[in-house]
Amino acid sequence: MLSTAHSRQHHHAFEKSPSSHLKNLDRKLQQAVNHATSKYMQRIYPLAGIQRSSSNLTLSSLSLSQNSNDSSLSSSNSSWEPKVPLLYGGTFSPWGDVLVSLEMRREDDDKASHHDVEGGEEDFDCSEPGSQHRCSWITKNSDEAYVQFHDECWGVPVYSDNRLFELLSLSGMLIDHNWTEILKRRDMYREVFADFDPSTVARMDDDAIAEISSNKELKLAESRVRCIVENAKCIQKVGKEFGSFSGYMWGHVNHRPVVGKYRHHKYIPFRTPKSEAVSKDLVRRGFRLVGPVIVYSFMQAAGIAIDHLVDCFRFNECVRLAERSWGITNVAA
């Protein structure tokens, strides 16, 4: 009798306030999903050394090929490049299926790009009439600094430790800014970081770090400046072990750039197995702001990965520069 009455009492209570029970159930379910997703995304996108930030960074801002400010590309990007914000405090976007699809797309890149080179979907020409054909994310509305970087630097094999250190540092700044913003301040960064000489930057003390971070024109938080200084120290250690930072980095690809041969920018990955391996080793050596996505942006900028579209005038030029540097042929084979 007592158990029956107790059961009726609970049943009656549920009938009187079903919404409260449902809300509690929904809340617990959402918490479980968020926790599981957060742990999963930390495994998929473990951007090392990144501290809590209020930046509304998206994956797209980490690659020059997905960094165009031109709205004319938005319709083309919408099916493959959702604007997924990453909150760098250990918590990532709960839209795991979107980023998982990027992982799945990465596995199909070689097959898809080969199909396109043979004559798949047509790319659209954003170059002005009579001008050189550039990668499709360069348009008439692109910033001059952005276009110049594409035409003169991006994808050019770099072997100087200072320049590699510079490009690694600039790629790390993509956590807070896009390429256009960074490139406009590039000369200022070179000035305050002694032209990115690792030995000089490694000796920067707290006063120098505070002075740089207090410069509002640079828009660098103190934590970001410290990351650059720490990376300079790590580069010195790597140089002692491998002879140079350049030798260490190029050794990861057997001194031959990885050539993408992509015909459409939607097939250019955000990260690759190689960038994951490089990132893991950099983290092991104490480097900061070197997650696999940032590392791949660095590899693209330094010509360790050549991801100009095949019909861009810079594709063959960058490949020839790589062949000439190492005295090898058929880099893009």
Protein backbone atom coordinates (compact mmCIF):
# COMPACT_ATOMS: atom_id res chain seq x y z
CA MET A 1 0.00 0.00 0.00
CA LEU A 2 2.78 2.39 0.94
CA SER A 3 4.71 1.76 -2.26
CA THR A 4 1.56 2.16 -4.34
CA ALA A 5 0.74 5.48 -2.72
CA HIS A 6 4.32 6.59 -3.16
CA SER A 7 4.20 5.65 -6.82
CA ARG A 8 0.94 7.51 -7.36
CA GLN A 9 2.38 10.53 -5.64
CA HIS A 10 5.36 10.63 -8.02
CA HIS A 11 3.14 9.99 -11.01
CA HIS A 12 0.85 12.79 -9.98
CA ALA A 13 3.79 15.15 -9.47
CA PHE A 14 5.04 14.39 -12.96
CA GLU A 15 1.65 15.05 -14.46
CA LYS A 16 1.49 18.42 -12.77
CA SER A 17 4.89 19.64 -14.01
CA PRO A 18 6.08 17.69 -17.03
CA SER A 19 7.92 20.70 -18.46
CA SER A 20 10.32 20.92 -15.52
CA HIS A 21 11.30 17.28 -15.86
CA LEU A 22 11.79 17.65 -19.60
CA LYS A 23 13.90 20.75 -19.12
CA ASN A 24 16.12 18.94 -16.63
CA LEU A 25 16.48 16.03 -19.00
CA ASP A 26 17.33 18.33 -21.92
CA ARG A 27 19.84 20.20 -19.81
CA LYS A 28 21.63 17.02 -18.73
CA LEU A 29 21.62 15.68 -22.28
CA GLN A 30 23.06 18.93 -23.65
CA GLN A 31 25.78 18.95 -20.99
CA ALA A 32 26.75 15.40 -21.87
CA VAL A 33 26.85 16.19 -25.58
CA ASN A 34 28.89 19.37 -25.04
CA HIS A 35 31.38 17.52 -22.82
CA ALA A 36 31.84 14.69 -25.29
CA THR A 37 32.13 17.06 -28.23
CA SER A 38 34.62 19.28 -26.43
CA LYS A 39 36.90 16.32 -25.67
CA TYR A 40 36.59 15.08 -29.24
CA MET A 41 37.40 18.46 -30.78
CA GLN A 42 40.39 18.90 -28.50
CA ARG A 43 41.70 15.66 -29.97
CA ILE A 44 40.96 16.67 -33.57
CA TYR A 45 42.17 20.29 -33.33
CA PRO A 46 44.75 20.41 -30.51
CA LEU A 47 46.15 23.87 -31.24
CA ALA A 48 49.10 23.83 -28.90
CA GLY A 49 50.04 26.69 -26.63
CA ILE A 50 46.83 28.61 -27.24
CA GLN A 51 45.46 30.41 -24.25
CA ARG A 52 41.93 31.62 -23.67
CA SER A 53 40.94 34.24 -26.21
CA SER A 54 37.81 36.15 -27.12
CA SER A 55 38.76 36.02 -30.79
CA ASN A 56 35.99 35.00 -33.19
CA LEU A 57 38.56 33.20 -35.35
CA THR A 58 37.31 30.79 -37.95
CA LEU A 59 39.11 27.97 -39.68
CA SER A 60 38.98 29.97 -42.87
CA SER A 61 41.23 32.71 -41.52
CA LEU A 62 44.09 30.26 -41.09
CA SER A 63 44.76 29.77 -44.77
CA LEU A 64 45.59 32.33 -47.41
CA SER A 65 43.45 30.37 -49.86
CA GLN A 66 40.37 30.83 -47.68
CA ASN A 67 41.23 34.31 -46.45
CA SER A 68 39.76 36.52 -49.16
CA ASN A 69 37.67 39.44 -47.97
CA ASP A 70 35.72 39.47 -51.20
CA SER A 71 32.04 38.63 -50.78
CA SER A 72 31.90 37.40 -54.37
CA LEU A 73 33.37 34.12 -53.18
CA SER A 74 30.85 33.53 -50.41
CA SER A 75 28.36 31.63 -52.50
CA SER A 76 31.06 29.28 -53.69
CA ASN A 77 32.39 28.71 -50.19
CA SER A 78 29.08 28.15 -48.46
CA SER A 79 28.87 24.46 -49.26
CA TRP A 80 32.33 23.58 -47.97
CA GLU A 81 33.57 26.29 -45.66
CA PRO A 82 31.05 27.00 -42.88
CA LYS A 83 32.12 29.76 -40.56
CA VAL A 84 32.92 27.65 -37.52
CA PRO A 85 34.20 29.70 -34.59
CA LEU A 86 36.87 28.09 -32.41
CA LEU A 87 36.97 29.17 -28.79
CA TYR A 88 40.56 28.72 -27.68
CA GLY A 89 40.11 27.94 -24.05
CA GLY A 90 39.90 24.20 -24.42
CA THR A 91 36.33 24.41 -25.71
CA PHE A 92 35.58 24.10 -29.39
CA SER A 93 32.48 24.54 -31.50
CA PRO A 94 29.90 21.82 -30.78
CA TRP A 95 29.34 21.42 -34.52
CA GLY A 96 31.60 18.40 -34.65
CA ASP A 97 29.96 17.01 -37.76
CA VAL A 98 31.10 20.05 -39.75
CA LEU A 99 34.74 19.64 -38.77
CA VAL A 100 34.58 15.88 -39.09
CA SER A 101 33.47 16.42 -42.68
CA LEU A 102 36.62 18.49 -43.20
CA GLU A 103 38.64 15.55 -41.90
CA MET A 104 36.84 13.21 -44.29
CA ARG A 105 37.40 15.68 -47.14
CA ARG A 106 41.10 15.73 -46.37
CA GLU A 107 41.30 11.97 -46.97
CA ASP A 108 39.70 12.43 -50.40
CA ASP A 109 41.83 15.42 -51.45
CA ASP A 110 44.28 13.51 -53.62
CA LYS A 111 41.52 11.68 -55.48
CA ALA A 112 39.44 14.81 -55.95
CA SER A 113 42.33 17.00 -57.06
CA HIS A 114 43.49 14.38 -59.57
CA HIS A 115 39.99 14.24 -61.01
CA ASP A 116 39.88 18.02 -61.35
CA VAL A 117 43.28 18.24 -63.05
CA GLU A 118 42.10 15.70 -65.59
CA GLY A 119 39.12 17.90 -66.37
CA GLY A 120 36.49 18.02 -63.67
CA GLU A 121 34.54 21.08 -62.56
CA GLU A 122 35.52 24.41 -64.02
CA ASP A 123 37.04 27.06 -61.83
CA PHE A 124 35.94 30.66 -62.17
CA ASP A 125 38.33 33.36 -63.27
CA CYS A 126 38.54 36.28 -60.86
CA SER A 127 41.48 37.91 -62.58
CA GLU A 128 40.92 41.13 -64.45
CA PRO A 129 40.95 40.96 -68.28
CA GLY A 130 44.51 41.05 -69.62
CA SER A 131 46.06 40.37 -66.21
CA GLN A 132 47.95 37.28 -65.09
CA HIS A 133 45.71 34.47 -63.94
CA ARG A 134 45.90 34.19 -60.16
CA CYS A 135 44.40 31.83 -57.64
CA SER A 136 40.64 32.30 -57.51
CA TRP A 137 40.63 33.87 -54.04
CA ILE A 138 42.55 36.86 -55.39
CA THR A 139 40.02 39.30 -56.84
CA LYS A 140 39.84 42.92 -57.90
CA ASN A 141 38.65 43.74 -54.36
CA SER A 142 41.57 42.04 -52.62
CA ASP A 143 43.87 44.25 -50.57
CA GLU A 144 47.14 45.24 -52.23
CA ALA A 145 49.27 43.75 -49.44
CA TYR A 146 47.33 40.50 -49.73
CA VAL A 147 47.83 40.33 -53.51
CA GLN A 148 51.52 41.18 -53.24
CA PHE A 149 52.05 38.42 -50.67
CA HIS A 150 50.33 35.95 -52.99
CA ASP A 151 52.38 37.08 -56.00
CA GLU A 152 55.80 37.32 -54.36
CA CYS A 153 55.97 35.25 -51.18
CA TRP A 154 53.25 32.62 -50.67
CA GLY A 155 54.46 29.23 -51.86
CA VAL A 156 58.04 30.37 -52.54
CA PRO A 157 60.46 27.89 -50.89
CA VAL A 158 62.14 29.60 -47.93
CA TYR A 159 65.45 28.36 -46.48
CA SER A 160 66.55 31.26 -44.26
CA ASP A 161 66.08 30.65 -40.54
CA ASN A 162 65.11 34.28 -40.02
CA ARG A 163 62.43 34.18 -42.73
CA LEU A 164 61.11 30.83 -41.54
CA PHE A 165 60.90 32.20 -38.00
CA GLU A 166 59.07 35.23 -39.34
CA LEU A 167 56.52 33.15 -41.27
CA LEU A 168 55.99 30.84 -38.29
CA SER A 169 55.33 33.88 -36.10
CA LEU A 170 52.97 35.50 -38.63
CA SER A 171 51.08 32.23 -39.01
CA GLY A 172 50.68 32.07 -35.24
CA MET A 173 49.12 35.54 -35.32
CA LEU A 174 46.27 34.08 -37.38
CA ILE A 175 44.80 33.11 -34.03
CA ASP A 176 43.69 36.72 -33.64
CA HIS A 177 43.91 38.30 -37.10
CA ASN A 178 43.59 37.45 -40.79
CA TRP A 179 46.41 37.54 -43.35
CA THR A 180 45.51 40.97 -44.68
CA GLU A 181 45.65 42.57 -41.24
CA ILE A 182 48.94 40.83 -40.43
CA LEU A 183 50.61 41.73 -43.72
CA LYS A 184 49.77 45.41 -43.33
CA ARG A 185 51.76 45.40 -40.07
CA ARG A 186 54.56 43.17 -41.33
CA ASP A 187 57.18 45.92 -41.46
CA MET A 188 56.35 46.95 -37.90
CA TYR A 189 56.70 43.35 -36.72
CA ARG A 190 60.09 43.10 -38.41
CA GLU A 191 61.22 46.25 -36.64
CA VAL A 192 60.21 45.26 -33.11
CA PHE A 193 61.41 41.66 -33.49
CA ALA A 194 64.83 42.58 -34.91
CA ASP A 195 63.99 41.30 -38.39
CA PHE A 196 63.06 38.02 -36.69
CA ASP A 197 66.60 37.12 -35.77
CA PRO A 198 66.09 34.16 -33.37
CA SER A 199 69.19 34.88 -31.28
CA THR A 200 68.11 38.48 -30.67
CA VAL A 201 64.46 37.68 -29.98
CA ALA A 202 65.45 34.86 -27.62
CA ARG A 203 67.23 37.40 -25.39
CA MET A 204 64.19 39.67 -25.01
CA ASP A 205 63.40 40.25 -21.34
CA ASP A 206 60.15 41.14 -19.60
CA ASP A 207 60.62 44.85 -20.24
CA ALA A 208 61.03 44.33 -23.97
CA ILE A 209 58.00 42.03 -24.06
CA ALA A 210 55.92 44.56 -22.15
CA GLU A 211 56.99 47.35 -24.50
CA ILE A 212 55.96 45.39 -27.58
CA SER A 213 52.64 44.28 -26.15
CA SER A 214 51.82 47.83 -25.04
CA ASN A 215 52.16 49.11 -28.61
CA LYS A 216 48.53 49.36 -29.71
CA GLU A 217 49.47 49.51 -33.39
CA LEU A 218 50.89 45.99 -33.25
CA LYS A 219 47.79 44.49 -31.64
CA LEU A 220 49.76 41.72 -29.96
CA ALA A 221 48.81 40.53 -26.49
CA GLU A 222 51.63 39.89 -24.05
CA SER A 223 50.94 36.14 -24.18
CA ARG A 224 51.40 36.18 -27.97
CA VAL A 225 54.71 38.05 -27.69
CA ARG A 226 55.94 35.55 -25.13
CA CYS A 227 55.07 32.73 -27.52
CA ILE A 228 57.28 34.32 -30.19
CA VAL A 229 60.14 34.74 -27.73
CA GLU A 230 59.83 31.14 -26.54
CA ASN A 231 59.77 29.90 -30.13
CA ALA A 232 62.99 31.80 -30.81
CA LYS A 233 64.65 29.92 -27.96
CA CYS A 234 63.35 26.64 -29.35
CA ILE A 235 64.71 27.50 -32.81
CA GLN A 236 68.14 27.99 -31.28
CA LYS A 237 67.98 24.53 -29.69
CA VAL A 238 66.80 22.97 -32.95
CA GLY A 239 69.63 24.73 -34.80
CA LYS A 240 72.20 23.17 -32.49
CA GLU A 241 70.73 19.71 -33.08
CA PHE A 242 70.06 19.88 -36.83
CA GLY A 243 72.47 22.58 -37.97
CA SER A 244 69.64 25.00 -38.75
CA PHE A 245 65.91 25.44 -38.29
CA SER A 246 65.63 25.30 -42.08
CA GLY A 247 67.31 21.89 -42.19
CA TYR A 248 64.95 20.64 -39.49
CA MET A 249 61.79 21.87 -41.21
CA TRP A 250 62.71 20.76 -44.73
CA GLY A 251 63.83 17.42 -43.39
CA HIS A 252 60.20 16.66 -42.57
CA VAL A 253 59.41 16.59 -46.31
CA ASN A 254 62.72 15.05 -47.44
CA HIS A 255 63.73 18.47 -48.82
CA ARG A 256 61.03 18.35 -51.49
CA PRO A 257 57.94 20.60 -51.20
CA VAL A 258 54.56 18.95 -51.09
CA VAL A 259 52.80 20.07 -54.28
CA GLY A 260 49.02 20.13 -54.09
CA LYS A 261 48.10 20.43 -57.79
CA TYR A 262 44.60 21.64 -56.87
CA ARG A 263 42.33 23.09 -59.51
CA HIS A 264 39.72 24.53 -57.14
CA HIS A 265 40.30 26.18 -53.79
CA LYS A 266 37.64 24.06 -52.09
CA TYR A 267 39.97 21.07 -52.20
CA ILE A 268 42.85 22.78 -50.41
CA PRO A 269 42.93 21.27 -46.90
CA PHE A 270 43.23 23.12 -43.62
CA ARG A 271 45.59 20.48 -42.27
CA THR A 272 47.30 17.34 -43.52
CA PRO A 273 48.86 14.25 -41.94
CA LYS A 274 52.25 15.85 -42.53
CA SER A 275 51.29 19.07 -40.71
CA GLU A 276 49.96 16.95 -37.86
CA ALA A 277 53.29 15.12 -37.60
CA VAL A 278 55.28 18.37 -37.75
CA SER A 279 52.99 19.98 -35.17
CA LYS A 280 53.40 17.07 -32.79
CA ASP A 281 57.18 17.24 -33.00
CA LEU A 282 57.24 21.03 -32.58
CA VAL A 283 55.09 20.75 -29.48
CA ARG A 284 57.39 18.06 -28.10
CA ARG A 285 60.29 20.48 -28.54
CA GLY A 286 58.52 23.26 -26.63
CA PHE A 287 57.17 25.41 -29.48
CA ARG A 288 53.92 27.28 -28.92
CA LEU A 289 51.06 28.29 -31.23
CA VAL A 290 51.92 25.41 -33.54
CA GLY A 291 48.75 23.37 -33.90
CA PRO A 292 48.41 21.36 -37.14
CA VAL A 293 46.18 23.97 -38.82
CA ILE A 294 48.59 26.81 -38.09
CA VAL A 295 51.55 24.64 -39.07
CA TYR A 296 49.97 23.93 -42.45
CA SER A 297 49.41 27.66 -43.02
CA PHE A 298 53.09 28.13 -42.20
CA MET A 299 54.09 25.33 -44.60
CA GLN A 300 52.03 26.96 -47.37
CA ALA A 301 53.56 30.39 -46.76
CA ALA A 302 57.11 28.99 -46.64
CA GLY A 303 56.75 26.93 -49.81
CA ILE A 304 57.13 23.66 -47.92
CA ALA A 305 53.68 23.01 -49.35
CA ILE A 306 52.89 24.60 -52.72
CA ASP A 307 49.13 25.11 -52.89
CA HIS A 308 48.74 27.65 -55.65
CA LEU A 309 46.01 26.46 -57.98
CA VAL A 310 47.46 24.75 -61.05
CA ASP A 311 46.24 27.47 -63.41
CA CYS A 312 47.70 30.27 -61.29
CA PHE A 313 50.77 31.90 -62.86
CA ARG A 314 52.65 31.35 -59.58
CA PHE A 315 52.22 27.56 -59.53
CA ASN A 316 54.90 26.72 -62.10
CA GLU A 317 57.15 29.54 -60.88
CA CYS A 318 57.19 28.19 -57.32
CA VAL A 319 57.76 24.64 -58.55
CA ARG A 320 60.71 25.80 -60.69
CA LEU A 321 62.19 27.69 -57.73
CA ALA A 322 62.06 24.51 -55.65
CA GLU A 323 63.68 22.46 -58.41
CA ARG A 324 66.43 25.03 -58.89
CA SER A 325 67.15 25.25 -55.15
CA TRP A 326 67.75 21.57 -54.70
CA GLY A 327 68.93 20.65 -58.19
CA ILE A 328 66.07 18.20 -58.62
CA THR A 329 63.41 17.72 -61.26
CA ASN A 330 59.78 16.64 -61.40
CA VAL A 331 58.92 18.15 -58.01
CA ALA A 332 55.28 18.30 -59.05
CA ALA A 333 55.19 14.78 -60.49
